[in-house]
Amino acid sequence: MPPKSVVAAWQVGTQRGVSLLESLSVGGLFVRTKEVLPLRSLIQVLIDLPVGQVRCRGIVRRTTERRGVAVQIIAMDPTDRARLFAEMTRLLLA
C-alpha cells in the first residue's frame, strides 16, 4: 500500500484526471476517483513516487462507484519498472 500522498495523473481517451492512489503493486493499482471510467478501457497512468515518476499503460478491470477504479498494468518501460520495484522494496523494508 502506498503512502497516502502518492498521486497519479491518468488519461482514458479524452478524459483526464489527477487522483490519489489507494493501493499499488507491480501488477496493478487502485486509483481513487469519482469519475466513471468504462470497464476494459485503456488507461495511461503517470505515478509520482519518491524515487521518480513511473509511466505505465493499463486496463480498467473494476470500477467502484464514487470510489475509484482498479487498473491492471499491461505495459511499462524497463526503467519505469525498475523505479517501481525500488519503491516497492523501500516500502517493504521500512
N, C-alpha and C. Protein backbone atom coordinates (compact mmCIF):
# COMPACT_ATOMS: atom_id res chain seq x y z
N MET A 1 0.85 -1.18 0.00
CA MET A 1 0.00 0.00 0.00
C MET A 1 0.90 1.24 0.00
N PRO A 2 0.64 2.17 -0.90
CA PRO A 2 1.49 3.36 -0.98
C PRO A 2 1.16 4.35 0.13
N PRO A 3 2.08 5.27 0.39
CA PRO A 3 1.75 6.35 1.32
C PRO A 3 0.54 7.13 0.81
N LYS A 4 -0.19 7.76 1.70
CA LYS A 4 -1.42 8.46 1.32
C LYS A 4 -1.19 9.61 0.35
N SER A 5 0.04 10.04 0.20
CA SER A 5 0.30 11.20 -0.65
C SER A 5 0.75 10.84 -2.06
N VAL A 6 0.67 9.57 -2.46
CA VAL A 6 1.09 9.20 -3.81
C VAL A 6 -0.01 9.60 -4.79
N VAL A 7 0.39 10.40 -5.78
CA VAL A 7 -0.55 10.97 -6.75
C VAL A 7 -0.29 10.36 -8.12
N ALA A 8 -1.37 10.14 -8.85
CA ALA A 8 -1.26 9.63 -10.21
C ALA A 8 -2.09 10.50 -11.15
N ALA A 9 -1.50 10.86 -12.27
CA ALA A 9 -2.24 11.51 -13.35
C ALA A 9 -2.64 10.40 -14.32
N TRP A 10 -3.86 10.44 -14.82
CA TRP A 10 -4.34 9.39 -15.70
C TRP A 10 -5.13 9.97 -16.87
N GLN A 11 -5.21 9.15 -17.92
CA GLN A 11 -5.98 9.55 -19.10
C GLN A 11 -6.62 8.32 -19.72
N VAL A 12 -7.92 8.43 -19.98
CA VAL A 12 -8.68 7.42 -20.72
C VAL A 12 -9.35 8.16 -21.87
N GLY A 13 -8.88 7.94 -23.09
CA GLY A 13 -9.40 8.70 -24.24
C GLY A 13 -9.13 10.18 -24.04
N THR A 14 -10.18 10.99 -24.04
CA THR A 14 -10.01 12.43 -23.82
C THR A 14 -10.27 12.82 -22.36
N GLN A 15 -10.64 11.86 -21.54
CA GLN A 15 -10.93 12.10 -20.12
C GLN A 15 -9.62 12.03 -19.33
N ARG A 16 -9.37 13.05 -18.51
CA ARG A 16 -8.12 13.13 -17.74
C ARG A 16 -8.43 13.45 -16.29
N GLY A 17 -7.49 13.07 -15.42
CA GLY A 17 -7.66 13.40 -14.02
C GLY A 17 -6.36 13.24 -13.25
N VAL A 18 -6.36 13.75 -12.04
CA VAL A 18 -5.25 13.58 -11.10
C VAL A 18 -5.87 13.07 -9.82
N SER A 19 -5.38 11.94 -9.32
CA SER A 19 -6.01 11.28 -8.18
C SER A 19 -4.97 10.68 -7.25
N LEU A 20 -5.38 10.43 -6.02
CA LEU A 20 -4.55 9.69 -5.07
C LEU A 20 -4.67 8.20 -5.36
N LEU A 21 -3.60 7.47 -5.06
CA LEU A 21 -3.64 6.02 -5.18
C LEU A 21 -4.04 5.42 -3.83
N GLU A 22 -4.91 4.42 -3.89
CA GLU A 22 -5.28 3.71 -2.66
C GLU A 22 -4.39 2.50 -2.46
N SER A 23 -4.02 1.86 -3.56
CA SER A 23 -3.10 0.72 -3.47
C SER A 23 -2.23 0.69 -4.71
N LEU A 24 -1.08 0.02 -4.57
CA LEU A 24 -0.11 -0.03 -5.66
C LEU A 24 0.66 -1.33 -5.54
N SER A 25 0.81 -2.03 -6.67
CA SER A 25 1.64 -3.24 -6.73
C SER A 25 2.32 -3.26 -8.09
N VAL A 26 3.18 -4.25 -8.30
CA VAL A 26 3.87 -4.34 -9.58
C VAL A 26 2.92 -4.75 -10.71
N GLY A 27 1.75 -5.28 -10.36
CA GLY A 27 0.80 -5.72 -11.37
C GLY A 27 -0.42 -4.83 -11.56
N GLY A 28 -0.59 -3.87 -10.64
CA GLY A 28 -1.76 -3.03 -10.77
C GLY A 28 -1.86 -1.97 -9.69
N LEU A 29 -2.95 -1.20 -9.74
CA LEU A 29 -3.16 -0.13 -8.78
C LEU A 29 -4.64 0.19 -8.67
N PHE A 30 -5.00 0.85 -7.59
CA PHE A 30 -6.37 1.33 -7.41
C PHE A 30 -6.31 2.84 -7.33
N VAL A 31 -6.97 3.50 -8.27
CA VAL A 31 -6.98 4.96 -8.38
C VAL A 31 -8.26 5.49 -7.77
N ARG A 32 -8.13 6.37 -6.79
CA ARG A 32 -9.32 6.97 -6.17
C ARG A 32 -9.82 8.09 -7.07
N THR A 33 -11.05 7.94 -7.56
CA THR A 33 -11.67 8.96 -8.40
C THR A 33 -13.18 8.78 -8.37
N LYS A 34 -13.88 9.89 -8.48
CA LYS A 34 -15.33 9.83 -8.58
C LYS A 34 -15.78 9.73 -10.04
N GLU A 35 -14.81 9.87 -10.96
CA GLU A 35 -15.11 9.75 -12.38
C GLU A 35 -15.50 8.31 -12.71
N VAL A 36 -16.42 8.16 -13.64
CA VAL A 36 -16.81 6.83 -14.10
C VAL A 36 -15.98 6.51 -15.35
N LEU A 37 -15.19 5.45 -15.27
CA LEU A 37 -14.37 5.03 -16.40
C LEU A 37 -14.88 3.69 -16.90
N PRO A 38 -15.01 3.53 -18.20
CA PRO A 38 -15.56 2.28 -18.75
C PRO A 38 -14.67 1.08 -18.46
N LEU A 39 -15.32 -0.05 -18.13
CA LEU A 39 -14.58 -1.29 -17.95
C LEU A 39 -13.86 -1.66 -19.24
N ARG A 40 -12.69 -2.26 -19.09
CA ARG A 40 -11.85 -2.72 -20.20
C ARG A 40 -11.29 -1.60 -21.06
N SER A 41 -11.38 -0.35 -20.58
CA SER A 41 -10.81 0.75 -21.36
C SER A 41 -9.31 0.85 -21.08
N LEU A 42 -8.57 1.32 -22.08
CA LEU A 42 -7.13 1.54 -21.91
C LEU A 42 -6.92 2.82 -21.13
N ILE A 43 -5.98 2.77 -20.20
CA ILE A 43 -5.70 3.94 -19.36
C ILE A 43 -4.19 4.15 -19.33
N GLN A 44 -3.78 5.40 -19.48
CA GLN A 44 -2.38 5.78 -19.33
C GLN A 44 -2.24 6.43 -17.96
N VAL A 45 -1.19 6.02 -17.23
CA VAL A 45 -1.01 6.49 -15.86
C VAL A 45 0.41 7.01 -15.67
N LEU A 46 0.53 8.13 -14.97
CA LEU A 46 1.81 8.68 -14.56
C LEU A 46 1.77 8.78 -13.04
N ILE A 47 2.62 7.99 -12.37
CA ILE A 47 2.64 7.93 -10.91
C ILE A 47 3.83 8.73 -10.41
N ASP A 48 3.59 9.60 -9.45
CA ASP A 48 4.65 10.41 -8.86
C ASP A 48 5.11 9.77 -7.55
N LEU A 49 6.26 9.09 -7.59
CA LEU A 49 6.81 8.39 -6.43
C LEU A 49 8.06 9.11 -5.92
N PRO A 50 8.45 8.86 -4.67
CA PRO A 50 9.68 9.47 -4.14
C PRO A 50 10.92 9.13 -4.97
N VAL A 51 10.93 7.95 -5.61
CA VAL A 51 12.10 7.54 -6.41
C VAL A 51 12.04 8.08 -7.84
N GLY A 52 10.97 8.79 -8.18
CA GLY A 52 10.82 9.35 -9.52
C GLY A 52 9.47 8.99 -10.11
N GLN A 53 9.20 9.54 -11.28
CA GLN A 53 7.93 9.28 -11.95
C GLN A 53 7.94 7.92 -12.65
N VAL A 54 6.80 7.26 -12.64
CA VAL A 54 6.62 5.97 -13.29
C VAL A 54 5.44 6.08 -14.25
N ARG A 55 5.68 5.74 -15.50
CA ARG A 55 4.62 5.75 -16.52
C ARG A 55 4.25 4.31 -16.86
N CYS A 56 2.95 4.08 -17.05
CA CYS A 56 2.51 2.75 -17.45
C CYS A 56 1.20 2.86 -18.20
N ARG A 57 0.87 1.77 -18.88
CA ARG A 57 -0.43 1.64 -19.53
C ARG A 57 -1.15 0.48 -18.87
N GLY A 58 -2.45 0.60 -18.78
CA GLY A 58 -3.21 -0.45 -18.14
C GLY A 58 -4.61 -0.58 -18.72
N ILE A 59 -5.35 -1.50 -18.12
CA ILE A 59 -6.74 -1.74 -18.48
C ILE A 59 -7.59 -1.60 -17.23
N VAL A 60 -8.69 -0.86 -17.34
CA VAL A 60 -9.61 -0.72 -16.21
C VAL A 60 -10.31 -2.06 -16.03
N ARG A 61 -10.09 -2.70 -14.89
CA ARG A 61 -10.65 -4.02 -14.62
C ARG A 61 -11.87 -3.99 -13.71
N ARG A 62 -11.96 -2.98 -12.85
CA ARG A 62 -13.11 -2.90 -11.94
C ARG A 62 -13.36 -1.44 -11.60
N THR A 63 -14.62 -1.09 -11.49
CA THR A 63 -14.97 0.25 -11.05
C THR A 63 -15.84 0.14 -9.80
N THR A 64 -15.58 1.02 -8.87
CA THR A 64 -16.39 1.12 -7.66
C THR A 64 -16.98 2.52 -7.66
N GLU A 65 -18.28 2.60 -7.82
CA GLU A 65 -18.94 3.89 -7.99
C GLU A 65 -18.58 4.87 -6.88
N ARG A 66 -18.19 6.07 -7.29
CA ARG A 66 -17.83 7.18 -6.42
C ARG A 66 -16.60 6.89 -5.53
N ARG A 67 -15.88 5.81 -5.84
CA ARG A 67 -14.70 5.48 -5.04
C ARG A 67 -13.43 5.39 -5.89
N GLY A 68 -13.52 4.68 -7.02
CA GLY A 68 -12.34 4.58 -7.85
C GLY A 68 -12.36 3.41 -8.82
N VAL A 69 -11.19 3.16 -9.42
CA VAL A 69 -11.05 2.10 -10.41
C VAL A 69 -9.81 1.26 -10.13
N ALA A 70 -9.95 -0.04 -10.38
CA ALA A 70 -8.83 -0.96 -10.30
C ALA A 70 -8.24 -1.09 -11.70
N VAL A 71 -6.93 -0.96 -11.79
CA VAL A 71 -6.24 -0.97 -13.07
C VAL A 71 -5.19 -2.09 -13.08
N GLN A 72 -5.23 -2.92 -14.13
CA GLN A 72 -4.21 -3.92 -14.34
C GLN A 72 -3.14 -3.30 -15.23
N ILE A 73 -1.89 -3.33 -14.79
CA ILE A 73 -0.79 -2.80 -15.60
C ILE A 73 -0.46 -3.80 -16.70
N ILE A 74 -0.44 -3.31 -17.95
CA ILE A 74 -0.15 -4.20 -19.08
C ILE A 74 1.15 -3.84 -19.80
N ALA A 75 1.65 -2.62 -19.61
CA ALA A 75 2.88 -2.22 -20.29
C ALA A 75 3.60 -1.14 -19.47
N MET A 76 4.93 -1.31 -19.40
CA MET A 76 5.74 -0.35 -18.66
C MET A 76 7.18 -0.42 -19.18
N ASP A 77 7.80 0.72 -19.36
CA ASP A 77 9.19 0.79 -19.78
C ASP A 77 10.07 0.14 -18.71
N PRO A 78 11.14 -0.56 -19.09
CA PRO A 78 12.01 -1.20 -18.10
C PRO A 78 12.57 -0.23 -17.04
N THR A 79 12.86 1.00 -17.43
CA THR A 79 13.35 1.99 -16.47
C THR A 79 12.28 2.33 -15.44
N ASP A 80 11.04 2.49 -15.91
CA ASP A 80 9.94 2.78 -15.00
C ASP A 80 9.67 1.59 -14.09
N ARG A 81 9.76 0.37 -14.63
CA ARG A 81 9.56 -0.83 -13.81
C ARG A 81 10.62 -0.90 -12.71
N ALA A 82 11.86 -0.54 -13.04
CA ALA A 82 12.93 -0.54 -12.03
C ALA A 82 12.62 0.47 -10.92
N ARG A 83 12.10 1.64 -11.28
CA ARG A 83 11.73 2.62 -10.26
C ARG A 83 10.61 2.09 -9.36
N LEU A 84 9.62 1.44 -9.99
CA LEU A 84 8.51 0.88 -9.21
C LEU A 84 9.02 -0.20 -8.27
N PHE A 85 9.88 -1.09 -8.75
CA PHE A 85 10.46 -2.13 -7.89
C PHE A 85 11.25 -1.50 -6.75
N ALA A 86 12.00 -0.44 -7.04
CA ALA A 86 12.78 0.23 -5.99
C ALA A 86 11.87 0.80 -4.91
N GLU A 87 10.76 1.40 -5.32
CA GLU A 87 9.82 1.97 -4.35
C GLU A 87 9.14 0.87 -3.54
N MET A 88 8.75 -0.22 -4.21
CA MET A 88 8.11 -1.33 -3.50
C MET A 88 9.08 -1.93 -2.48
N THR A 89 10.34 -2.08 -2.85
CA THR A 89 11.35 -2.61 -1.94
C THR A 89 11.54 -1.68 -0.75
N ARG A 90 11.60 -0.38 -1.02
CA ARG A 90 11.76 0.60 0.06
C ARG A 90 10.59 0.52 1.05
N LEU A 91 9.39 0.39 0.52
CA LEU A 91 8.20 0.32 1.39
C LEU A 91 8.19 -0.98 2.20
N LEU A 92 8.61 -2.07 1.58
CA LEU A 92 8.61 -3.35 2.30
C LEU A 92 9.65 -3.38 3.41
N LEU A 93 10.77 -2.70 3.21
CA LEU A 93 11.84 -2.70 4.21
C LEU A 93 11.67 -1.62 5.27
N ALA A 94 10.73 -0.71 5.07
CA ALA A 94 10.53 0.38 6.02
C ALA A 94 9.84 -0.10 7.30
